[in-house]
Amino acid sequence: MKVGIVGATGLVGQAMLAVLQESSLSVQSIKLFASADSAGKTHIFRTSDLTVEIIKKEALEKGMFILGATSSSIASEWVPLALEAGAVVIDNSSAHRMDPDVPLVVPQVNPESITDKSRLIANPNCSTIQLVMSLKPLMDLARFKWVSVSTYQSVSGAGRKGLSMLEKGELNGPKPGAVHRNILCEIGEPEISGYTEEELKLQRETVKILEADFPVYPACARVPVAVGHTESVTVRMEKPVPATLAAEAMKDFNGLKVVERGFEPLLAQNTDETFVGRIRNHPGDRSILQFWVTADNVRKGAALNAVQILEMMAER
């Protein structure tokens, strides 16, 4: 297998390289692509020294698998080049997620979305991945009426820039508009509806992945945590579902880990699991189920999910 990583020097790109290194995939060759500022830098993959290149069509090969870790605007430029060269693209940006012809995939949730003809696969948003991971096993228990989700998203969701902002805040103290000792209640610009870009991503992507016929009500905030997105989820079902039954279904779902006590985002850092905890029914209505979910947004929320898609395609 020949692999390329575009955006290889960023936070997610470096995580992709690390996850690939840990995987059992047979990688014959790997190319690292980034901006001109990073070109010429070297990184180690297994026993090889790799030099970062600027992405050009000539460097892409038919049958190569390309993992993308760039912004949407940059992805809109290089993805067509890769497809023209005959490569298969797994893109982490939001550029193609809502294209009806592009599968939006979480391997444990909707692997059937990928067909033999799929050459561009979209990686969902980090907050979407852990939400659908937690919802999927519950969908076999009862039909959903609606889902409400509030997210508490770490600064690494904004990449190295977000981590730097947190570190500067720790040095300089809290300031309005900064995340240190604060909560930022807007991630992305609000649209005319009042919902932010991040909230609309979470809502629309969840509906697409789960082929949902129920509404999703999101609220997204940035919190002063380095790594690990956490979500408080409420699901209204058509019939009562005991929390114990929900917990058992979640325990049996590949990639989920149920935590009885001590639930917190630190559990998820540098791990591959999605953690679920505090699973409970509303005291006055057992058709309402509530729980918390957390995951490492850089690994399962981005890099790991992309490599899991790659592993799934390699098995075909």
C-alpha atoms as a PDB file:
ATOM      1  CA  MET A   1       0.000   0.000   0.000  1.00  0.00           C
ATOM      2  CA  LYS A   2       1.237   3.477  -0.946  1.00  0.00           C
ATOM      3  CA  VAL A   3       0.097   6.264   1.384  1.00  0.00           C
ATOM      4  CA  GLY A   4       0.317  10.050   1.429  1.00  0.00           C
ATOM      5  CA  ILE A   5      -0.576  12.538   4.157  1.00  0.00           C
ATOM      6  CA  VAL A   6      -1.482  16.093   3.147  1.00  0.00           C
ATOM      7  CA  GLY A   7      -1.061  18.561   6.001  1.00  0.00           C
ATOM      8  CA  ALA A   8       1.429  16.150   7.529  1.00  0.00           C
ATOM      9  CA  THR A   9       3.116  18.645   9.858  1.00  0.00           C
ATOM     10  CA  GLY A  10      -0.055  19.839  11.601  1.00  0.00           C
ATOM     11  CA  LEU A  11      -1.530  18.420  14.795  1.00  0.00           C
ATOM     12  CA  VAL A  12      -3.856  15.964  13.027  1.00  0.00           C
ATOM     13  CA  GLY A  13      -1.320  15.141  10.299  1.00  0.00           C
ATOM     14  CA  GLN A  14       1.265  14.182  12.898  1.00  0.00           C
ATOM     15  CA  ALA A  15      -1.343  12.084  14.705  1.00  0.00           C
ATOM     16  CA  MET A  16      -2.158  10.324  11.423  1.00  0.00           C
ATOM     17  CA  LEU A  17       1.517   9.463  11.017  1.00  0.00           C
ATOM     18  CA  ALA A  18       1.661   8.131  14.591  1.00  0.00           C
ATOM     19  CA  VAL A  19      -1.513   6.042  14.204  1.00  0.00           C
ATOM     20  CA  LEU A  20      -0.243   4.628  10.903  1.00  0.00           C
ATOM     21  CA  GLN A  21       3.011   3.709  12.604  1.00  0.00           C
ATOM     22  CA  GLU A  22       1.088   1.808  15.295  1.00  0.00           C
ATOM     23  CA  SER A  23      -1.184   0.045  12.802  1.00  0.00           C
ATOM     24  CA  SER A  24      -0.664  -3.358  11.218  1.00  0.00           C
ATOM     25  CA  LEU A  25      -1.133  -1.941   7.718  1.00  0.00           C
ATOM     26  CA  SER A  26       1.497  -2.975   5.198  1.00  0.00           C
ATOM     27  CA  VAL A  27       2.752   0.426   4.041  1.00  0.00           C
ATOM     28  CA  GLN A  28       5.217   0.066   1.160  1.00  0.00           C
ATOM     29  CA  SER A  29       5.858   3.783   0.843  1.00  0.00           C
ATOM     30  CA  ILE A  30       4.604   6.977   2.426  1.00  0.00           C
ATOM     31  CA  LYS A  31       4.840  10.584   1.295  1.00  0.00           C
ATOM     32  CA  LEU A  32       4.370  13.635   3.491  1.00  0.00           C
ATOM     33  CA  PHE A  33       2.949  16.831   2.003  1.00  0.00           C
ATOM     34  CA  ALA A  34       2.644  20.270   3.590  1.00  0.00           C
ATOM     35  CA  SER A  35       3.085  23.971   2.864  1.00  0.00           C
ATOM     36  CA  ALA A  36       6.242  25.568   1.512  1.00  0.00           C
ATOM     37  CA  ASP A  37       7.140  26.626   5.074  1.00  0.00           C
ATOM     38  CA  SER A  38       7.431  22.968   6.106  1.00  0.00           C
ATOM     39  CA  ALA A  39       8.962  21.575   2.913  1.00  0.00           C
ATOM     40  CA  GLY A  40      12.312  19.907   3.511  1.00  0.00           C
ATOM     41  CA  LYS A  41      11.640  18.969   7.124  1.00  0.00           C
ATOM     42  CA  THR A  42      12.169  15.306   7.988  1.00  0.00           C
ATOM     43  CA  HIS A  43      10.061  12.891  10.019  1.00  0.00           C
ATOM     44  CA  ILE A  44      10.626   9.257  10.938  1.00  0.00           C
ATOM     45  CA  PHE A  45       8.144   6.547   9.950  1.00  0.00           C
ATOM     46  CA  ARG A  46       9.069   3.126  11.275  1.00  0.00           C
ATOM     47  CA  THR A  47      12.637   2.739   9.960  1.00  0.00           C
ATOM     48  CA  SER A  48      12.515   5.422   7.263  1.00  0.00           C
ATOM     49  CA  ASP A  49      13.368   9.114   7.210  1.00  0.00           C
ATOM     50  CA  LEU A  50      10.709  11.019   5.280  1.00  0.00           C
ATOM     51  CA  THR A  51      11.152  14.468   3.756  1.00  0.00           C
ATOM     52  CA  VAL A  52       8.157  16.789   3.588  1.00  0.00           C
ATOM     53  CA  GLU A  53       7.191  17.861   0.056  1.00  0.00           C
ATOM     54  CA  ILE A  54       4.914  20.486  -1.449  1.00  0.00           C
ATOM     55  CA  ILE A  55       1.948  18.684  -2.974  1.00  0.00           C
ATOM     56  CA  LYS A  56       2.044  18.484  -6.766  1.00  0.00           C
ATOM     57  CA  LYS A  57       0.079  16.304  -9.162  1.00  0.00           C
ATOM     58  CA  GLU A  58       3.317  14.687 -10.362  1.00  0.00           C
ATOM     59  CA  ALA A  59       3.994  13.398  -6.833  1.00  0.00           C
ATOM     60  CA  LEU A  60       0.648  11.587  -6.706  1.00  0.00           C
ATOM     61  CA  GLU A  61       0.174   8.084  -8.060  1.00  0.00           C
ATOM     62  CA  LYS A  62      -2.738   5.983  -9.229  1.00  0.00           C
ATOM     63  CA  GLY A  63      -3.879   3.700  -6.427  1.00  0.00           C
ATOM     64  CA  MET A  64      -2.215   5.787  -3.714  1.00  0.00           C
ATOM     65  CA  PHE A  65      -4.263   6.368  -0.558  1.00  0.00           C
ATOM     66  CA  ILE A  66      -4.176  10.011   0.535  1.00  0.00           C
ATOM     67  CA  LEU A  67      -5.129  11.096   4.063  1.00  0.00           C
ATOM     68  CA  GLY A  68      -6.041  14.782   4.229  1.00  0.00           C
ATOM     69  CA  ALA A  69      -5.490  16.979   7.297  1.00  0.00           C
ATOM     70  CA  THR A  70      -5.864  20.478   5.879  1.00  0.00           C
ATOM     71  CA  SER A  71      -8.436  23.249   6.029  1.00  0.00           C
ATOM     72  CA  SER A  72     -11.470  23.066   3.748  1.00  0.00           C
ATOM     73  CA  SER A  73     -10.182  25.833   1.486  1.00  0.00           C
ATOM     74  CA  ILE A  74      -6.869  24.045   0.934  1.00  0.00           C
ATOM     75  CA  ALA A  75      -8.619  20.676   0.508  1.00  0.00           C
ATOM     76  CA  SER A  76     -10.733  22.188  -2.269  1.00  0.00           C
ATOM     77  CA  GLU A  77      -7.478  22.781  -4.156  1.00  0.00           C
ATOM     78  CA  TRP A  78      -5.590  19.504  -3.672  1.00  0.00           C
ATOM     79  CA  VAL A  79      -8.400  16.918  -3.554  1.00  0.00           C
ATOM     80  CA  PRO A  80      -9.294  17.350  -7.268  1.00  0.00           C
ATOM     81  CA  LEU A  81      -5.591  16.938  -8.139  1.00  0.00           C
ATOM     82  CA  ALA A  82      -5.407  13.689  -6.176  1.00  0.00           C
ATOM     83  CA  LEU A  83      -8.569  12.308  -7.751  1.00  0.00           C
ATOM     84  CA  GLU A  84      -7.347  13.221 -11.248  1.00  0.00           C
ATOM     85  CA  ALA A  85      -4.134  11.319 -10.517  1.00  0.00           C
ATOM     86  CA  GLY A  86      -6.171   8.216  -9.649  1.00  0.00           C
ATOM     87  CA  ALA A  87      -5.612   8.326  -5.888  1.00  0.00           C
ATOM     88  CA  VAL A  88      -8.158   7.418  -3.213  1.00  0.00           C
ATOM     89  CA  VAL A  89      -8.745  10.280  -0.773  1.00  0.00           C
ATOM     90  CA  ILE A  90      -9.836  10.175   2.878  1.00  0.00           C
ATOM     91  CA  ASP A  91     -10.324  13.841   3.750  1.00  0.00           C
ATOM     92  CA  ASN A  92     -10.625  15.208   7.280  1.00  0.00           C
ATOM     93  CA  SER A  93     -11.832  18.661   6.212  1.00  0.00           C
ATOM     94  CA  SER A  94     -15.465  19.709   5.905  1.00  0.00           C
ATOM     95  CA  ALA A  95     -15.090  20.526   2.191  1.00  0.00           C
ATOM     96  CA  HIS A  96     -16.980  17.478   0.874  1.00  0.00           C
ATOM     97  CA  ARG A  97     -18.808  16.089   3.921  1.00  0.00           C
ATOM     98  CA  MET A  98     -22.289  17.115   2.845  1.00  0.00           C
ATOM     99  CA  ASP A  99     -21.847  16.187  -0.826  1.00  0.00           C
ATOM    100  CA  PRO A 100     -24.514  13.502  -1.390  1.00  0.00           C
ATOM    101  CA  ASP A 101     -22.093  11.547  -3.586  1.00  0.00           C
ATOM    102  CA  VAL A 102     -19.364  11.446  -0.916  1.00  0.00           C
ATOM    103  CA  PRO A 103     -19.705   8.907   1.918  1.00  0.00           C
ATOM    104  CA  LEU A 104     -19.278  10.401   5.401  1.00  0.00           C
ATOM    105  CA  VAL A 105     -17.968   7.495   7.432  1.00  0.00           C
ATOM    106  CA  VAL A 106     -17.362   6.245  10.944  1.00  0.00           C
ATOM    107  CA  PRO A 107     -16.268   2.622  10.383  1.00  0.00           C
ATOM    108  CA  GLN A 108     -18.066   1.213  13.439  1.00  0.00           C
ATOM    109  CA  VAL A 109     -21.284   3.042  12.529  1.00  0.00           C
ATOM    110  CA  ASN A 110     -21.870   3.099   8.757  1.00  0.00           C
ATOM    111  CA  PRO A 111     -19.201   1.059   6.920  1.00  0.00           C
ATOM    112  CA  GLU A 112     -21.743   0.128   4.258  1.00  0.00           C
ATOM    113  CA  SER A 113     -21.605   3.718   2.971  1.00  0.00           C
ATOM    114  CA  ILE A 114     -18.305   2.912   1.249  1.00  0.00           C
ATOM    115  CA  THR A 115     -18.652   1.030  -2.038  1.00  0.00           C
ATOM    116  CA  ASP A 116     -16.134  -0.405  -4.480  1.00  0.00           C
ATOM    117  CA  LYS A 117     -16.531   2.798  -6.489  1.00  0.00           C
ATOM    118  CA  SER A 118     -15.751   5.157  -3.584  1.00  0.00           C
ATOM    119  CA  ARG A 119     -12.629   7.206  -4.266  1.00  0.00           C
ATOM    120  CA  LEU A 120     -13.350  10.181  -2.001  1.00  0.00           C
ATOM    121  CA  ILE A 121     -14.416   9.493   1.575  1.00  0.00           C
ATOM    122  CA  ALA A 122     -15.069  12.243   4.107  1.00  0.00           C
ATOM    123  CA  ASN A 123     -14.004  12.022   7.741  1.00  0.00           C
ATOM    124  CA  PRO A 124     -16.693  13.578   9.991  1.00  0.00           C
ATOM    125  CA  ASN A 125     -16.185  16.409  12.444  1.00  0.00           C
ATOM    126  CA  CYS A 126     -14.568  15.369  15.730  1.00  0.00           C
ATOM    127  CA  SER A 127     -17.664  16.116  17.808  1.00  0.00           C
ATOM    128  CA  THR A 128     -19.869  14.219  15.344  1.00  0.00           C
ATOM    129  CA  ILE A 129     -17.796  11.035  15.484  1.00  0.00           C
ATOM    130  CA  GLN A 130     -18.145  10.478  19.219  1.00  0.00           C
ATOM    131  CA  LEU A 131     -21.836  11.430  19.165  1.00  0.00           C
ATOM    132  CA  VAL A 132     -22.796   8.900  16.482  1.00  0.00           C
ATOM    133  CA  MET A 133     -20.617   6.263  18.168  1.00  0.00           C
ATOM    134  CA  SER A 134     -22.724   6.659  21.312  1.00  0.00           C
ATOM    135  CA  LEU A 135     -26.090   6.855  19.530  1.00  0.00           C
ATOM    136  CA  LYS A 136     -25.719   3.936  17.122  1.00  0.00           C
ATOM    137  CA  PRO A 137     -26.164   1.074  19.650  1.00  0.00           C
ATOM    138  CA  LEU A 138     -29.235   2.791  21.107  1.00  0.00           C
ATOM    139  CA  MET A 139     -31.011   2.927  17.755  1.00  0.00           C
ATOM    140  CA  ASP A 140     -31.692  -0.804  17.963  1.00  0.00           C
ATOM    141  CA  LEU A 141     -33.541  -0.344  21.270  1.00  0.00           C
ATOM    142  CA  ALA A 142     -36.195   2.186  20.245  1.00  0.00           C
ATOM    143  CA  ARG A 143     -36.914   4.839  17.641  1.00  0.00           C
ATOM    144  CA  PHE A 144     -35.617   8.294  18.539  1.00  0.00           C
ATOM    145  CA  LYS A 145     -37.942  11.294  18.731  1.00  0.00           C
ATOM    146  CA  TRP A 146     -35.124  13.811  19.147  1.00  0.00           C
ATOM    147  CA  VAL A 147     -31.542  14.234  20.332  1.00  0.00           C
ATOM    148  CA  SER A 148     -30.163  17.205  22.260  1.00  0.00           C
ATOM    149  CA  VAL A 149     -26.393  17.560  22.673  1.00  0.00           C
ATOM    150  CA  SER A 150     -24.220  20.141  24.423  1.00  0.00           C
ATOM    151  CA  THR A 151     -20.503  19.935  23.667  1.00  0.00           C
ATOM    152  CA  TYR A 152     -17.523  20.989  25.755  1.00  0.00           C
ATOM    153  CA  GLN A 153     -14.757  20.999  23.169  1.00  0.00           C
ATOM    154  CA  SER A 154     -11.041  21.140  23.912  1.00  0.00           C
ATOM    155  CA  VAL A 155      -8.738  23.756  22.409  1.00  0.00           C
ATOM    156  CA  SER A 156      -6.889  21.181  20.289  1.00  0.00           C
ATOM    157  CA  GLY A 157     -10.008  21.133  18.132  1.00  0.00           C
ATOM    158  CA  ALA A 158      -8.593  24.390  16.768  1.00  0.00           C
ATOM    159  CA  GLY A 159      -5.204  22.747  16.144  1.00  0.00           C
ATOM    160  CA  ARG A 160      -1.854  23.972  17.384  1.00  0.00           C
ATOM    161  CA  LYS A 161      -3.201  27.514  17.389  1.00  0.00           C
ATOM    162  CA  GLY A 162      -5.789  26.512  19.988  1.00  0.00           C
ATOM    163  CA  LEU A 163      -3.195  24.847  22.208  1.00  0.00           C
ATOM    164  CA  SER A 164      -1.001  27.934  21.925  1.00  0.00           C
ATOM    165  CA  MET A 165      -3.889  30.184  22.964  1.00  0.00           C
ATOM    166  CA  LEU A 166      -4.436  28.101  26.092  1.00  0.00           C
ATOM    167  CA  GLU A 167      -0.735  28.157  26.963  1.00  0.00           C
ATOM    168  CA  LYS A 168      -0.543  31.932  26.491  1.00  0.00           C
ATOM    169  CA  GLY A 169      -3.578  32.358  28.718  1.00  0.00           C
ATOM    170  CA  GLU A 170      -1.929  30.340  31.460  1.00  0.00           C
ATOM    171  CA  LEU A 171       1.056  32.698  31.270  1.00  0.00           C
ATOM    172  CA  ASN A 172      -0.788  36.000  30.860  1.00  0.00           C
ATOM    173  CA  GLY A 173      -3.986  35.381  32.804  1.00  0.00           C
ATOM    174  CA  PRO A 174      -7.641  35.418  31.728  1.00  0.00           C
ATOM    175  CA  LYS A 175      -8.892  37.937  29.168  1.00  0.00           C
ATOM    176  CA  PRO A 176     -12.294  38.433  27.502  1.00  0.00           C
ATOM    177  CA  GLY A 177     -12.517  36.355  24.345  1.00  0.00           C
ATOM    178  CA  ALA A 178      -9.701  34.023  25.455  1.00  0.00           C
ATOM    179  CA  VAL A 179     -10.368  30.436  26.500  1.00  0.00           C
ATOM    180  CA  HIS A 180      -8.162  30.379  29.634  1.00  0.00           C
ATOM    181  CA  ARG A 181     -10.424  30.218  32.724  1.00  0.00           C
ATOM    182  CA  ASN A 182     -13.323  30.857  30.393  1.00  0.00           C
ATOM    183  CA  ILE A 183     -15.912  29.184  28.176  1.00  0.00           C
ATOM    184  CA  LEU A 184     -16.356  30.351  24.589  1.00  0.00           C
ATOM    185  CA  CYS A 185     -19.970  29.789  23.605  1.00  0.00           C
ATOM    186  CA  GLU A 186     -19.429  30.266  19.876  1.00  0.00           C
ATOM    187  CA  ILE A 187     -17.277  27.938  17.753  1.00  0.00           C
ATOM    188  CA  GLY A 188     -17.297  29.393  14.283  1.00  0.00           C
ATOM    189  CA  GLU A 189     -19.461  32.215  13.023  1.00  0.00           C
ATOM    190  CA  PRO A 190     -23.205  32.242  13.788  1.00  0.00           C
ATOM    191  CA  GLU A 191     -25.396  31.859  10.722  1.00  0.00           C
ATOM    192  CA  ILE A 192     -28.746  33.537  10.128  1.00  0.00           C
ATOM    193  CA  SER A 193     -30.485  30.840  12.188  1.00  0.00           C
ATOM    194  CA  GLY A 194     -28.353  31.745  15.216  1.00  0.00           C
ATOM    195  CA  TYR A 195     -26.594  28.377  15.106  1.00  0.00           C
ATOM    196  CA  THR A 196     -22.813  28.447  14.672  1.00  0.00           C
ATOM    197  CA  GLU A 197     -20.839  26.653  11.968  1.00  0.00           C
ATOM    198  CA  GLU A 198     -19.781  23.974  14.465  1.00  0.00           C
ATOM    199  CA  GLU A 199     -23.340  23.365  15.631  1.00  0.00           C
ATOM    200  CA  LEU A 200     -24.610  23.012  12.073  1.00  0.00           C
ATOM    201  CA  LYS A 201     -21.798  20.587  11.234  1.00  0.00           C
ATOM    202  CA  LEU A 202     -22.757  18.447  14.225  1.00  0.00           C
ATOM    203  CA  GLN A 203     -26.443  18.514  13.353  1.00  0.00           C
ATOM    204  CA  ARG A 204     -26.168  17.903   9.615  1.00  0.00           C
ATOM    205  CA  GLU A 205     -23.415  15.289   9.776  1.00  0.00           C
ATOM    206  CA  THR A 206     -25.228  13.270  12.451  1.00  0.00           C
ATOM    207  CA  VAL A 207     -28.373  13.178  10.324  1.00  0.00           C
ATOM    208  CA  LYS A 208     -26.399  12.105   7.234  1.00  0.00           C
ATOM    209  CA  ILE A 209     -24.380   9.362   8.945  1.00  0.00           C
ATOM    210  CA  LEU A 210     -27.319   7.846  10.843  1.00  0.00           C
ATOM    211  CA  GLU A 211     -29.823   8.511   8.017  1.00  0.00           C
ATOM    212  CA  ALA A 212     -31.837  10.057  10.807  1.00  0.00           C
ATOM    213  CA  ASP A 213     -35.520  10.932  10.666  1.00  0.00           C
ATOM    214  CA  PHE A 214     -35.294  12.738  14.020  1.00  0.00           C
ATOM    215  CA  PRO A 215     -34.105  16.283  14.806  1.00  0.00           C
ATOM    216  CA  VAL A 216     -30.761  16.992  16.485  1.00  0.00           C
ATOM    217  CA  TYR A 217     -30.488  20.065  18.713  1.00  0.00           C
ATOM    218  CA  PRO A 218     -26.818  21.056  19.243  1.00  0.00           C
ATOM    219  CA  ALA A 219     -25.050  23.637  21.409  1.00  0.00           C
ATOM    220  CA  CYS A 220     -21.242  23.828  21.109  1.00  0.00           C
ATOM    221  CA  ALA A 221     -18.726  25.524  23.411  1.00  0.00           C
ATOM    222  CA  ARG A 222     -14.938  25.698  23.678  1.00  0.00           C
ATOM    223  CA  VAL A 223     -13.493  24.965  27.129  1.00  0.00           C
ATOM    224  CA  PRO A 224      -9.974  25.287  28.628  1.00  0.00           C
ATOM    225  CA  VAL A 225      -9.024  21.627  28.191  1.00  0.00           C
ATOM    226  CA  ALA A 226      -6.053  20.649  26.011  1.00  0.00           C
ATOM    227  CA  VAL A 227      -7.312  17.375  24.500  1.00  0.00           C
ATOM    228  CA  GLY A 228     -10.640  15.551  24.737  1.00  0.00           C
ATOM    229  CA  HIS A 229     -14.102  16.663  23.642  1.00  0.00           C
ATOM    230  CA  THR A 230     -16.950  15.946  26.060  1.00  0.00           C
ATOM    231  CA  GLU A 231     -20.673  15.935  25.301  1.00  0.00           C
ATOM    232  CA  SER A 232     -23.822  15.857  27.394  1.00  0.00           C
ATOM    233  CA  VAL A 233     -26.463  13.982  25.410  1.00  0.00           C
ATOM    234  CA  THR A 234     -30.212  13.666  25.928  1.00  0.00           C
ATOM    235  CA  VAL A 235     -32.265  11.290  23.773  1.00  0.00           C
ATOM    236  CA  ARG A 236     -36.062  11.188  23.726  1.00  0.00           C
ATOM    237  CA  MET A 237     -37.250   7.752  22.625  1.00  0.00           C
ATOM    238  CA  GLU A 238     -40.655   6.517  21.493  1.00  0.00           C
ATOM    239  CA  LYS A 239     -40.884   4.111  24.412  1.00  0.00           C
ATOM    240  CA  PRO A 240     -39.242   3.679  27.823  1.00  0.00           C
ATOM    241  CA  VAL A 241     -35.709   2.244  27.661  1.00  0.00           C
ATOM    242  CA  PRO A 242     -34.095   1.384  31.017  1.00  0.00           C
ATOM    243  CA  ALA A 243     -30.646   2.903  31.497  1.00  0.00           C
ATOM    244  CA  THR A 244     -29.318  -0.558  32.374  1.00  0.00           C
ATOM    245  CA  LEU A 245     -30.395  -1.880  28.963  1.00  0.00           C
ATOM    246  CA  ALA A 246     -28.806   1.119  27.233  1.00  0.00           C
ATOM    247  CA  ALA A 247     -25.560   0.571  29.138  1.00  0.00           C
ATOM    248  CA  GLU A 248     -25.435  -3.091  28.087  1.00  0.00           C
ATOM    249  CA  ALA A 249     -25.981  -2.160  24.430  1.00  0.00           C
ATOM    250  CA  MET A 250     -23.181   0.392  24.646  1.00  0.00           C
ATOM    251  CA  LYS A 251     -20.813  -2.077  26.337  1.00  0.00           C
ATOM    252  CA  ASP A 252     -21.323  -4.503  23.454  1.00  0.00           C
ATOM    253  CA  PHE A 253     -20.589  -1.880  20.781  1.00  0.00           C
ATOM    254  CA  ASN A 254     -17.122  -1.984  19.213  1.00  0.00           C
ATOM    255  CA  GLY A 255     -15.083   1.072  20.193  1.00  0.00           C
ATOM    256  CA  LEU A 256     -17.245   2.167  23.125  1.00  0.00           C
ATOM    257  CA  LYS A 257     -16.204   1.855  26.759  1.00  0.00           C
ATOM    258  CA  VAL A 258     -18.737   2.386  29.535  1.00  0.00           C
ATOM    259  CA  VAL A 259     -17.429   4.051  32.697  1.00  0.00           C
ATOM    260  CA  GLU A 260     -19.365   3.505  35.925  1.00  0.00           C
ATOM    261  CA  ARG A 261     -17.797   6.330  37.991  1.00  0.00           C
ATOM    262  CA  GLY A 262     -15.139   9.010  37.606  1.00  0.00           C
ATOM    263  CA  PHE A 263     -16.134  10.056  34.084  1.00  0.00           C
ATOM    264  CA  GLU A 264     -13.917  12.858  32.683  1.00  0.00           C
ATOM    265  CA  PRO A 265     -12.132  13.792  29.422  1.00  0.00           C
ATOM    266  CA  LEU A 266      -8.715  12.845  30.817  1.00  0.00           C
ATOM    267  CA  LEU A 267      -9.834   9.213  30.458  1.00  0.00           C
ATOM    268  CA  ALA A 268      -9.805   9.564  26.692  1.00  0.00           C
ATOM    269  CA  GLN A 269      -6.485  11.306  26.105  1.00  0.00           C
ATOM    270  CA  ASN A 270      -4.136   9.264  23.886  1.00  0.00           C
ATOM    271  CA  THR A 271      -6.620   6.378  23.694  1.00  0.00           C
ATOM    272  CA  ASP A 272      -8.640   4.897  20.838  1.00  0.00           C
ATOM    273  CA  GLU A 273     -11.912   4.295  22.694  1.00  0.00           C
ATOM    274  CA  THR A 274     -14.963   6.506  22.959  1.00  0.00           C
ATOM    275  CA  PHE A 275     -15.989   6.658  26.622  1.00  0.00           C
ATOM    276  CA  VAL A 276     -19.595   6.831  27.833  1.00  0.00           C
ATOM    277  CA  GLY A 277     -20.691   7.458  31.410  1.00  0.00           C
ATOM    278  CA  ARG A 278     -23.456   8.615  33.753  1.00  0.00           C
ATOM    279  CA  ILE A 279     -26.079   6.738  31.726  1.00  0.00           C
ATOM    280  CA  ARG A 280     -29.434   7.470  33.343  1.00  0.00           C
ATOM    281  CA  ASN A 281     -33.153   7.889  32.760  1.00  0.00           C
ATOM    282  CA  HIS A 282     -34.985  11.099  33.517  1.00  0.00           C
ATOM    283  CA  PRO A 283     -36.658  10.609  36.938  1.00  0.00           C
ATOM    284  CA  GLY A 284     -40.067  11.537  35.542  1.00  0.00           C
ATOM    285  CA  ASP A 285     -39.879   9.949  32.086  1.00  0.00           C
ATOM    286  CA  ARG A 286     -38.055   6.680  31.348  1.00  0.00           C
ATOM    287  CA  SER A 287     -38.319   7.325  27.613  1.00  0.00           C
ATOM    288  CA  ILE A 288     -35.699  10.058  28.134  1.00  0.00           C
ATOM    289  CA  LEU A 289     -32.131   8.784  28.322  1.00  0.00           C
ATOM    290  CA  GLN A 290     -29.186  10.958  29.334  1.00  0.00           C
ATOM    291  CA  PHE A 291     -25.449  10.296  29.320  1.00  0.00           C
ATOM    292  CA  TRP A 292     -21.996  11.812  28.824  1.00  0.00           C
ATOM    293  CA  VAL A 293     -19.558  10.880  26.062  1.00  0.00           C
ATOM    294  CA  THR A 294     -15.888  11.809  25.610  1.00  0.00           C
ATOM    295  CA  ALA A 295     -13.110  10.950  23.155  1.00  0.00           C
ATOM    296  CA  ASP A 296      -9.654  12.093  22.140  1.00  0.00           C
ATOM    297  CA  ASN A 297     -10.600  14.546  19.407  1.00  0.00           C
ATOM    298  CA  VAL A 298      -7.198  14.347  17.709  1.00  0.00           C
ATOM    299  CA  ARG A 299      -7.149  10.522  17.585  1.00  0.00           C
ATOM    300  CA  LYS A 300     -10.661   9.049  17.301  1.00  0.00           C
ATOM    301  CA  GLY A 301     -12.052  12.452  16.390  1.00  0.00           C
ATOM    302  CA  ALA A 302      -9.741  12.745  13.381  1.00  0.00           C
ATOM    303  CA  ALA A 303      -6.556  10.716  12.775  1.00  0.00           C
ATOM    304  CA  LEU A 304      -7.645   7.315  14.080  1.00  0.00           C
ATOM    305  CA  ASN A 305     -11.004   7.413  12.323  1.00  0.00           C
ATOM    306  CA  ALA A 306      -9.247   8.185   9.018  1.00  0.00           C
ATOM    307  CA  VAL A 307      -6.799   5.301   9.467  1.00  0.00           C
ATOM    308  CA  GLN A 308      -9.664   2.969  10.444  1.00  0.00           C
ATOM    309  CA  ILE A 309     -11.338   3.890   7.147  1.00  0.00           C
ATOM    310  CA  LEU A 310      -8.046   3.125   5.395  1.00  0.00           C
ATOM    311  CA  GLU A 311      -7.818  -0.257   7.162  1.00  0.00           C
ATOM    312  CA  MET A 312     -11.375  -1.070   6.138  1.00  0.00           C
ATOM    313  CA  MET A 313     -10.636  -0.238   2.505  1.00  0.00           C
ATOM    314  CA  ALA A 314      -7.424  -2.287   2.571  1.00  0.00           C
ATOM    315  CA  GLU A 315      -9.459  -5.357   3.525  1.00  0.00           C
ATOM    316  CA  ARG A 316     -11.687  -5.073   0.449  1.00  0.00           C
END
